[in-house]
Amino acid sequence: MTVRAPLDGVVTARQANVGANVDGTMPLFTVVDLSTVWVVGDLYEHDFSRVGVGRSATITASAFPDLALRGTVSYIDPQLSRD
């Protein structure tokens, strides 16, 4: 059976499995819109001058080394940590 989602997105959780008993109140899938996401990062003190609200940023991850995600810095938390 084909189940169509009422919105575009990515399935991030699936509670439905072949042979499972379900009822009308049970969520079968979780679908999220990942077109906009927040990335939280930590900076070293010597990099503070290179980052500012409105500046562009590029994020990479070792899991996808050929993928570079570009965005804009929209918030800088004023907290400092010794770690």
PDB file of N, CA and C in Angstrom:
ATOM      1  N   MET A   1       0.843  -1.175   0.000  1.00  0.00           N
ATOM      2  CA  MET A   1       0.000   0.000   0.000  1.00  0.00           C
ATOM      3  C   MET A   1       0.886   1.236   0.000  1.00  0.00           C
ATOM      4  N   THR A   2       0.563   2.191  -0.826  1.00  0.00           N
ATOM      5  CA  THR A   2       1.287   3.454  -0.871  1.00  0.00           C
ATOM      6  C   THR A   2       0.659   4.417   0.132  1.00  0.00           C
ATOM      7  N   VAL A   3       1.515   5.010   0.965  1.00  0.00           N
ATOM      8  CA  VAL A   3       1.052   6.015   1.927  1.00  0.00           C
ATOM      9  C   VAL A   3       1.660   7.341   1.507  1.00  0.00           C
ATOM     10  N   ARG A   4       0.834   8.309   1.205  1.00  0.00           N
ATOM     11  CA  ARG A   4       1.309   9.623   0.771  1.00  0.00           C
ATOM     12  C   ARG A   4       1.275  10.592   1.949  1.00  0.00           C
ATOM     13  N   ALA A   5       2.350  11.343   2.084  1.00  0.00           N
ATOM     14  CA  ALA A   5       2.435  12.343   3.140  1.00  0.00           C
ATOM     15  C   ALA A   5       1.720  13.614   2.687  1.00  0.00           C
ATOM     16  N   PRO A   6       1.126  14.346   3.628  1.00  0.00           N
ATOM     17  CA  PRO A   6       0.442  15.589   3.266  1.00  0.00           C
ATOM     18  C   PRO A   6       1.403  16.750   3.029  1.00  0.00           C
ATOM     19  N   LEU A   7       2.717  16.513   3.132  1.00  0.00           N
ATOM     20  CA  LEU A   7       3.702  17.560   2.945  1.00  0.00           C
ATOM     21  C   LEU A   7       4.982  16.969   2.398  1.00  0.00           C
ATOM     22  N   ASP A   8       5.806  17.812   1.780  1.00  0.00           N
ATOM     23  CA  ASP A   8       7.113  17.378   1.304  1.00  0.00           C
ATOM     24  C   ASP A   8       8.065  17.316   2.477  1.00  0.00           C
ATOM     25  N   GLY A   9       9.015  16.416   2.434  1.00  0.00           N
ATOM     26  CA  GLY A   9      10.000  16.338   3.495  1.00  0.00           C
ATOM     27  C   GLY A   9      10.752  15.027   3.470  1.00  0.00           C
ATOM     28  N   VAL A  10      11.391  14.757   4.588  1.00  0.00           N
ATOM     29  CA  VAL A  10      12.211  13.568   4.746  1.00  0.00           C
ATOM     30  C   VAL A  10      11.655  12.757   5.907  1.00  0.00           C
ATOM     31  N   VAL A  11      11.543  11.447   5.715  1.00  0.00           N
ATOM     32  CA  VAL A  11      11.084  10.568   6.789  1.00  0.00           C
ATOM     33  C   VAL A  11      12.240  10.400   7.768  1.00  0.00           C
ATOM     34  N   THR A  12      12.041  10.830   9.019  1.00  0.00           N
ATOM     35  CA  THR A  12      13.084  10.712  10.038  1.00  0.00           C
ATOM     36  C   THR A  12      12.781   9.634  11.065  1.00  0.00           C
ATOM     37  N   ALA A  13      11.549   9.146  11.071  1.00  0.00           N
ATOM     38  CA  ALA A  13      11.194   8.050  11.984  1.00  0.00           C
ATOM     39  C   ALA A  13      10.077   7.243  11.336  1.00  0.00           C
ATOM     40  N   ARG A  14      10.164   5.926  11.503  1.00  0.00           N
ATOM     41  CA  ARG A  14       9.140   5.047  10.946  1.00  0.00           C
ATOM     42  C   ARG A  14       8.698   4.075  12.036  1.00  0.00           C
ATOM     43  N   GLN A  15       7.441   4.168  12.430  1.00  0.00           N
ATOM     44  CA  GLN A  15       6.890   3.249  13.414  1.00  0.00           C
ATOM     45  C   GLN A  15       6.142   2.104  12.736  1.00  0.00           C
ATOM     46  N   ALA A  16       5.839   2.248  11.451  1.00  0.00           N
ATOM     47  CA  ALA A  16       5.086   1.226  10.722  1.00  0.00           C
ATOM     48  C   ALA A  16       6.051   0.205  10.129  1.00  0.00           C
ATOM     49  N   ASN A  17       5.772  -1.058  10.347  1.00  0.00           N
ATOM     50  CA  ASN A  17       6.553  -2.142   9.781  1.00  0.00           C
ATOM     51  C   ASN A  17       5.604  -3.168   9.194  1.00  0.00           C
ATOM     52  N   VAL A  18       6.100  -3.945   8.254  1.00  0.00           N
ATOM     53  CA  VAL A  18       5.278  -4.974   7.632  1.00  0.00           C
ATOM     54  C   VAL A  18       4.756  -5.922   8.708  1.00  0.00           C
ATOM     55  N   GLY A  19       3.443  -6.127   8.694  1.00  0.00           N
ATOM     56  CA  GLY A  19       2.817  -7.041   9.640  1.00  0.00           C
ATOM     57  C   GLY A  19       2.414  -6.417  10.962  1.00  0.00           C
ATOM     58  N   ALA A  20       2.733  -5.143  11.174  1.00  0.00           N
ATOM     59  CA  ALA A  20       2.390  -4.483  12.438  1.00  0.00           C
ATOM     60  C   ALA A  20       0.904  -4.140  12.457  1.00  0.00           C
ATOM     61  N   ASN A  21       0.289  -4.251  13.616  1.00  0.00           N
ATOM     62  CA  ASN A  21      -1.094  -3.817  13.798  1.00  0.00           C
ATOM     63  C   ASN A  21      -1.095  -2.327  14.100  1.00  0.00           C
ATOM     64  N   VAL A  22      -1.905  -1.573  13.384  1.00  0.00           N
ATOM     65  CA  VAL A  22      -1.981  -0.129  13.594  1.00  0.00           C
ATOM     66  C   VAL A  22      -3.439   0.282  13.724  1.00  0.00           C
ATOM     67  N   ASP A  23      -3.646   1.449  14.324  1.00  0.00           N
ATOM     68  CA  ASP A  23      -4.992   2.017  14.369  1.00  0.00           C
ATOM     69  C   ASP A  23      -4.911   3.471  13.918  1.00  0.00           C
ATOM     70  N   GLY A  24      -6.041   4.117  13.820  1.00  0.00           N
ATOM     71  CA  GLY A  24      -6.106   5.473  13.291  1.00  0.00           C
ATOM     72  C   GLY A  24      -5.417   6.534  14.126  1.00  0.00           C
ATOM     73  N   THR A  25      -5.103   6.238  15.371  1.00  0.00           N
ATOM     74  CA  THR A  25      -4.465   7.235  16.232  1.00  0.00           C
ATOM     75  C   THR A  25      -2.950   7.063  16.299  1.00  0.00           C
ATOM     76  N   MET A  26      -2.434   5.999  15.740  1.00  0.00           N
ATOM     77  CA  MET A  26      -0.994   5.710  15.820  1.00  0.00           C
ATOM     78  C   MET A  26      -0.232   6.466  14.738  1.00  0.00           C
ATOM     79  N   PRO A  27       0.794   7.233  15.122  1.00  0.00           N
ATOM     80  CA  PRO A  27       1.617   7.873  14.090  1.00  0.00           C
ATOM     81  C   PRO A  27       2.459   6.803  13.386  1.00  0.00           C
ATOM     82  N   LEU A  28       2.424   6.786  12.057  1.00  0.00           N
ATOM     83  CA  LEU A  28       3.158   5.771  11.315  1.00  0.00           C
ATOM     84  C   LEU A  28       4.544   6.256  10.896  1.00  0.00           C
ATOM     85  N   PHE A  29       4.641   7.522  10.547  1.00  0.00           N
ATOM     86  CA  PHE A  29       5.903   8.100  10.101  1.00  0.00           C
ATOM     87  C   PHE A  29       6.047   9.506  10.675  1.00  0.00           C
ATOM     88  N   THR A  30       7.293   9.949  10.821  1.00  0.00           N
ATOM     89  CA  THR A  30       7.576  11.350  11.130  1.00  0.00           C
ATOM     90  C   THR A  30       8.263  11.936   9.908  1.00  0.00           C
ATOM     91  N   VAL A  31       7.658  12.970   9.350  1.00  0.00           N
ATOM     92  CA  VAL A  31       8.191  13.635   8.160  1.00  0.00           C
ATOM     93  C   VAL A  31       8.555  15.060   8.557  1.00  0.00           C
ATOM     94  N   VAL A  32       9.787  15.474   8.234  1.00  0.00           N
ATOM     95  CA  VAL A  32      10.223  16.827   8.582  1.00  0.00           C
ATOM     96  C   VAL A  32      10.702  17.566   7.341  1.00  0.00           C
ATOM     97  N   ASP A  33      10.541  18.867   7.362  1.00  0.00           N
ATOM     98  CA  ASP A  33      11.010  19.740   6.299  1.00  0.00           C
ATOM     99  C   ASP A  33      12.425  20.193   6.655  1.00  0.00           C
ATOM    100  N   LEU A  34      13.416  19.715   5.939  1.00  0.00           N
ATOM    101  CA  LEU A  34      14.807  20.051   6.231  1.00  0.00           C
ATOM    102  C   LEU A  34      15.355  21.128   5.294  1.00  0.00           C
ATOM    103  N   SER A  35      14.447  21.901   4.674  1.00  0.00           N
ATOM    104  CA  SER A  35      14.919  22.948   3.767  1.00  0.00           C
ATOM    105  C   SER A  35      15.594  24.087   4.536  1.00  0.00           C
ATOM    106  N   THR A  36      15.259  24.243   5.807  1.00  0.00           N
ATOM    107  CA  THR A  36      15.918  25.214   6.676  1.00  0.00           C
ATOM    108  C   THR A  36      16.278  24.526   7.978  1.00  0.00           C
ATOM    109  N   VAL A  37      17.543  24.577   8.352  1.00  0.00           N
ATOM    110  CA  VAL A  37      17.988  23.969   9.603  1.00  0.00           C
ATOM    111  C   VAL A  37      18.939  24.919  10.325  1.00  0.00           C
ATOM    112  N   TRP A  38      19.085  24.706  11.614  1.00  0.00           N
ATOM    113  CA  TRP A  38      20.048  25.438  12.420  1.00  0.00           C
ATOM    114  C   TRP A  38      21.265  24.553  12.614  1.00  0.00           C
ATOM    115  N   VAL A  39      22.429  25.148  12.553  1.00  0.00           N
ATOM    116  CA  VAL A  39      23.664  24.442  12.854  1.00  0.00           C
ATOM    117  C   VAL A  39      24.304  25.154  14.035  1.00  0.00           C
ATOM    118  N   VAL A  40      24.640  24.395  15.052  1.00  0.00           N
ATOM    119  CA  VAL A  40      25.287  24.958  16.240  1.00  0.00           C
ATOM    120  C   VAL A  40      26.757  24.547  16.202  1.00  0.00           C
ATOM    121  N   GLY A  41      27.629  25.510  16.324  1.00  0.00           N
ATOM    122  CA  GLY A  41      29.056  25.216  16.273  1.00  0.00           C
ATOM    123  C   GLY A  41      29.804  25.906  17.399  1.00  0.00           C
ATOM    124  N   ASP A  42      30.981  25.406  17.662  1.00  0.00           N
ATOM    125  CA  ASP A  42      31.866  25.994  18.657  1.00  0.00           C
ATOM    126  C   ASP A  42      33.052  26.634  17.938  1.00  0.00           C
ATOM    127  N   LEU A  43      33.499  27.760  18.466  1.00  0.00           N
ATOM    128  CA  LEU A  43      34.626  28.476  17.871  1.00  0.00           C
ATOM    129  C   LEU A  43      35.757  28.602  18.874  1.00  0.00           C
ATOM    130  N   TYR A  44      36.955  28.622  18.346  1.00  0.00           N
ATOM    131  CA  TYR A  44      38.108  28.973  19.168  1.00  0.00           C
ATOM    132  C   TYR A  44      38.176  30.498  19.246  1.00  0.00           C
ATOM    133  N   GLU A  45      38.740  31.001  20.318  1.00  0.00           N
ATOM    134  CA  GLU A  45      38.797  32.447  20.540  1.00  0.00           C
ATOM    135  C   GLU A  45      39.487  33.174  19.386  1.00  0.00           C
ATOM    136  N   HIS A  46      40.509  32.581  18.815  1.00  0.00           N
ATOM    137  CA  HIS A  46      41.229  33.267  17.726  1.00  0.00           C
ATOM    138  C   HIS A  46      40.391  33.359  16.444  1.00  0.00           C
ATOM    139  N   ASP A  47      39.255  32.667  16.372  1.00  0.00           N
ATOM    140  CA  ASP A  47      38.376  32.748  15.202  1.00  0.00           C
ATOM    141  C   ASP A  47      37.212  33.716  15.380  1.00  0.00           C
ATOM    142  N   PHE A  48      37.051  34.313  16.552  1.00  0.00           N
ATOM    143  CA  PHE A  48      35.915  35.204  16.814  1.00  0.00           C
ATOM    144  C   PHE A  48      35.803  36.324  15.783  1.00  0.00           C
ATOM    145  N   SER A  49      36.903  36.902  15.387  1.00  0.00           N
ATOM    146  CA  SER A  49      36.863  38.051  14.473  1.00  0.00           C
ATOM    147  C   SER A  49      36.426  37.661  13.061  1.00  0.00           C
ATOM    148  N   ARG A  50      36.442  36.386  12.744  1.00  0.00           N
ATOM    149  CA  ARG A  50      36.087  35.925  11.399  1.00  0.00           C
ATOM    150  C   ARG A  50      34.607  35.601  11.255  1.00  0.00           C
ATOM    151  N   VAL A  51      33.859  35.642  12.366  1.00  0.00           N
ATOM    152  CA  VAL A  51      32.445  35.249  12.350  1.00  0.00           C
ATOM    153  C   VAL A  51      31.594  36.422  12.806  1.00  0.00           C
ATOM    154  N   GLY A  52      30.476  36.647  12.111  1.00  0.00           N
ATOM    155  CA  GLY A  52      29.566  37.718  12.501  1.00  0.00           C
ATOM    156  C   GLY A  52      28.180  37.472  11.922  1.00  0.00           C
ATOM    157  N   VAL A  53      27.180  38.030  12.565  1.00  0.00           N
ATOM    158  CA  VAL A  53      25.806  37.907  12.077  1.00  0.00           C
ATOM    159  C   VAL A  53      25.732  38.514  10.675  1.00  0.00           C
ATOM    160  N   GLY A  54      25.110  37.783   9.764  1.00  0.00           N
ATOM    161  CA  GLY A  54      24.992  38.218   8.383  1.00  0.00           C
ATOM    162  C   GLY A  54      26.097  37.712   7.477  1.00  0.00           C
ATOM    163  N   ARG A  55      27.165  37.184   8.062  1.00  0.00           N
ATOM    164  CA  ARG A  55      28.269  36.651   7.261  1.00  0.00           C
ATOM    165  C   ARG A  55      27.912  35.273   6.734  1.00  0.00           C
ATOM    166  N   SER A  56      28.475  34.914   5.606  1.00  0.00           N
ATOM    167  CA  SER A  56      28.214  33.591   5.038  1.00  0.00           C
ATOM    168  C   SER A  56      29.027  32.542   5.795  1.00  0.00           C
ATOM    169  N   ALA A  57      28.525  31.315   5.750  1.00  0.00           N
ATOM    170  CA  ALA A  57      29.202  30.201   6.409  1.00  0.00           C
ATOM    171  C   ALA A  57      29.042  28.962   5.540  1.00  0.00           C
ATOM    172  N   THR A  58      30.049  28.108   5.555  1.00  0.00           N
ATOM    173  CA  THR A  58      30.003  26.845   4.841  1.00  0.00           C
ATOM    174  C   THR A  58      30.246  25.733   5.844  1.00  0.00           C
ATOM    175  N   ILE A  59      29.364  24.738   5.828  1.00  0.00           N
ATOM    176  CA  ILE A  59      29.433  23.620   6.760  1.00  0.00           C
ATOM    177  C   ILE A  59      29.753  22.357   5.975  1.00  0.00           C
ATOM    178  N   THR A  60      30.699  21.565   6.483  1.00  0.00           N
ATOM    179  CA  THR A  60      30.994  20.257   5.909  1.00  0.00           C
ATOM    180  C   THR A  60      30.946  19.222   7.024  1.00  0.00           C
ATOM    181  N   ALA A  61      30.775  17.972   6.638  1.00  0.00           N
ATOM    182  CA  ALA A  61      30.734  16.886   7.616  1.00  0.00           C
ATOM    183  C   ALA A  61      31.533  15.710   7.077  1.00  0.00           C
ATOM    184  N   SER A  62      32.217  15.006   7.956  1.00  0.00           N
ATOM    185  CA  SER A  62      33.029  13.876   7.516  1.00  0.00           C
ATOM    186  C   SER A  62      32.175  12.769   6.902  1.00  0.00           C
ATOM    187  N   ALA A  63      30.903  12.691   7.273  1.00  0.00           N
ATOM    188  CA  ALA A  63      30.016  11.668   6.712  1.00  0.00           C
ATOM    189  C   ALA A  63      29.732  11.919   5.231  1.00  0.00           C
ATOM    190  N   PHE A  64      29.776  13.183   4.806  1.00  0.00           N
ATOM    191  CA  PHE A  64      29.535  13.556   3.407  1.00  0.00           C
ATOM    192  C   PHE A  64      30.638  14.509   2.964  1.00  0.00           C
ATOM    193  N   PRO A  65      31.846  14.005   2.737  1.00  0.00           N
ATOM    194  CA  PRO A  65      32.989  14.901   2.470  1.00  0.00           C
ATOM    195  C   PRO A  65      32.860  15.737   1.203  1.00  0.00           C
ATOM    196  N   ASP A  66      32.053  15.315   0.244  1.00  0.00           N
ATOM    197  CA  ASP A  66      31.911  16.075  -0.998  1.00  0.00           C
ATOM    198  C   ASP A  66      30.752  17.059  -0.972  1.00  0.00           C
ATOM    199  N   LEU A  67      30.061  17.162   0.168  1.00  0.00           N
ATOM    200  CA  LEU A  67      28.901  18.042   0.283  1.00  0.00           C
ATOM    201  C   LEU A  67      29.257  19.252   1.142  1.00  0.00           C
ATOM    202  N   ALA A  68      29.099  20.440   0.580  1.00  0.00           N
ATOM    203  CA  ALA A  68      29.324  21.681   1.317  1.00  0.00           C
ATOM    204  C   ALA A  68      27.995  22.427   1.386  1.00  0.00           C
ATOM    205  N   LEU A  69      27.507  22.661   2.596  1.00  0.00           N
ATOM    206  CA  LEU A  69      26.240  23.364   2.796  1.00  0.00           C
ATOM    207  C   LEU A  69      26.536  24.815   3.135  1.00  0.00           C
ATOM    208  N   ARG A  70      25.917  25.713   2.397  1.00  0.00           N
ATOM    209  CA  ARG A  70      26.169  27.138   2.593  1.00  0.00           C
ATOM    210  C   ARG A  70      24.968  27.799   3.270  1.00  0.00           C
ATOM    211  N   GLY A  71      25.275  28.748   4.137  1.00  0.00           N
ATOM    212  CA  GLY A  71      24.223  29.460   4.828  1.00  0.00           C
ATOM    213  C   GLY A  71      24.724  30.798   5.322  1.00  0.00           C
ATOM    214  N   THR A  72      23.957  31.374   6.240  1.00  0.00           N
ATOM    215  CA  THR A  72      24.269  32.684   6.796  1.00  0.00           C
ATOM    216  C   THR A  72      24.195  32.620   8.309  1.00  0.00           C
ATOM    217  N   VAL A  73      25.136  33.255   8.985  1.00  0.00           N
ATOM    218  CA  VAL A  73      25.120  33.323  10.443  1.00  0.00           C
ATOM    219  C   VAL A  73      23.980  34.256  10.853  1.00  0.00           C
ATOM    220  N   SER A  74      23.036  33.737  11.648  1.00  0.00           N
ATOM    221  CA  SER A  74      21.896  34.557  12.049  1.00  0.00           C
ATOM    222  C   SER A  74      21.891  34.865  13.544  1.00  0.00           C
ATOM    223  N   TYR A  75      22.729  34.174  14.314  1.00  0.00           N
ATOM    224  CA  TYR A  75      22.728  34.399  15.764  1.00  0.00           C
ATOM    225  C   TYR A  75      24.077  33.960  16.320  1.00  0.00           C
ATOM    226  N   ILE A  76      24.588  34.714  17.266  1.00  0.00           N
ATOM    227  CA  ILE A  76      25.785  34.329  18.003  1.00  0.00           C
ATOM    228  C   ILE A  76      25.453  34.384  19.471  1.00  0.00           C
ATOM    229  N   ASP A  77      25.518  33.226  20.106  1.00  0.00           N
ATOM    230  CA  ASP A  77      25.226  33.137  21.536  1.00  0.00           C
ATOM    231  C   ASP A  77      26.378  33.789  22.304  1.00  0.00           C
ATOM    232  N   PRO A  78      26.091  34.672  23.244  1.00  0.00           N
ATOM    233  CA  PRO A  78      27.135  35.402  23.950  1.00  0.00           C
ATOM    234  C   PRO A  78      27.834  34.603  25.049  1.00  0.00           C
ATOM    235  N   GLN A  79      27.633  33.300  25.116  1.00  0.00           N
ATOM    236  CA  GLN A  79      28.245  32.492  26.167  1.00  0.00           C
ATOM    237  C   GLN A  79      29.677  32.123  25.806  1.00  0.00           C
ATOM    238  N   LEU A  80      30.533  32.063  26.807  1.00  0.00           N
ATOM    239  CA  LEU A  80      31.894  31.592  26.662  1.00  0.00           C
ATOM    240  C   LEU A  80      32.083  30.371  27.531  1.00  0.00           C
ATOM    241  N   SER A  81      32.930  29.463  27.110  1.00  0.00           N
ATOM    242  CA  SER A  81      33.194  28.236  27.862  1.00  0.00           C
ATOM    243  C   SER A  81      34.696  28.025  27.926  1.00  0.00           C
ATOM    244  N   ARG A  82      35.166  27.473  29.029  1.00  0.00           N
ATOM    245  CA  ARG A  82      36.588  27.171  29.162  1.00  0.00           C
ATOM    246  C   ARG A  82      36.980  25.919  28.405  1.00  0.00           C
ATOM    247  N   ASP A  83      36.027  25.111  28.011  1.00  0.00           N
ATOM    248  CA  ASP A  83      36.325  23.837  27.339  1.00  0.00           C
ATOM    249  C   ASP A  83      36.776  24.028  25.931  1.00  0.00           C
TER     250      ASP A  83
END
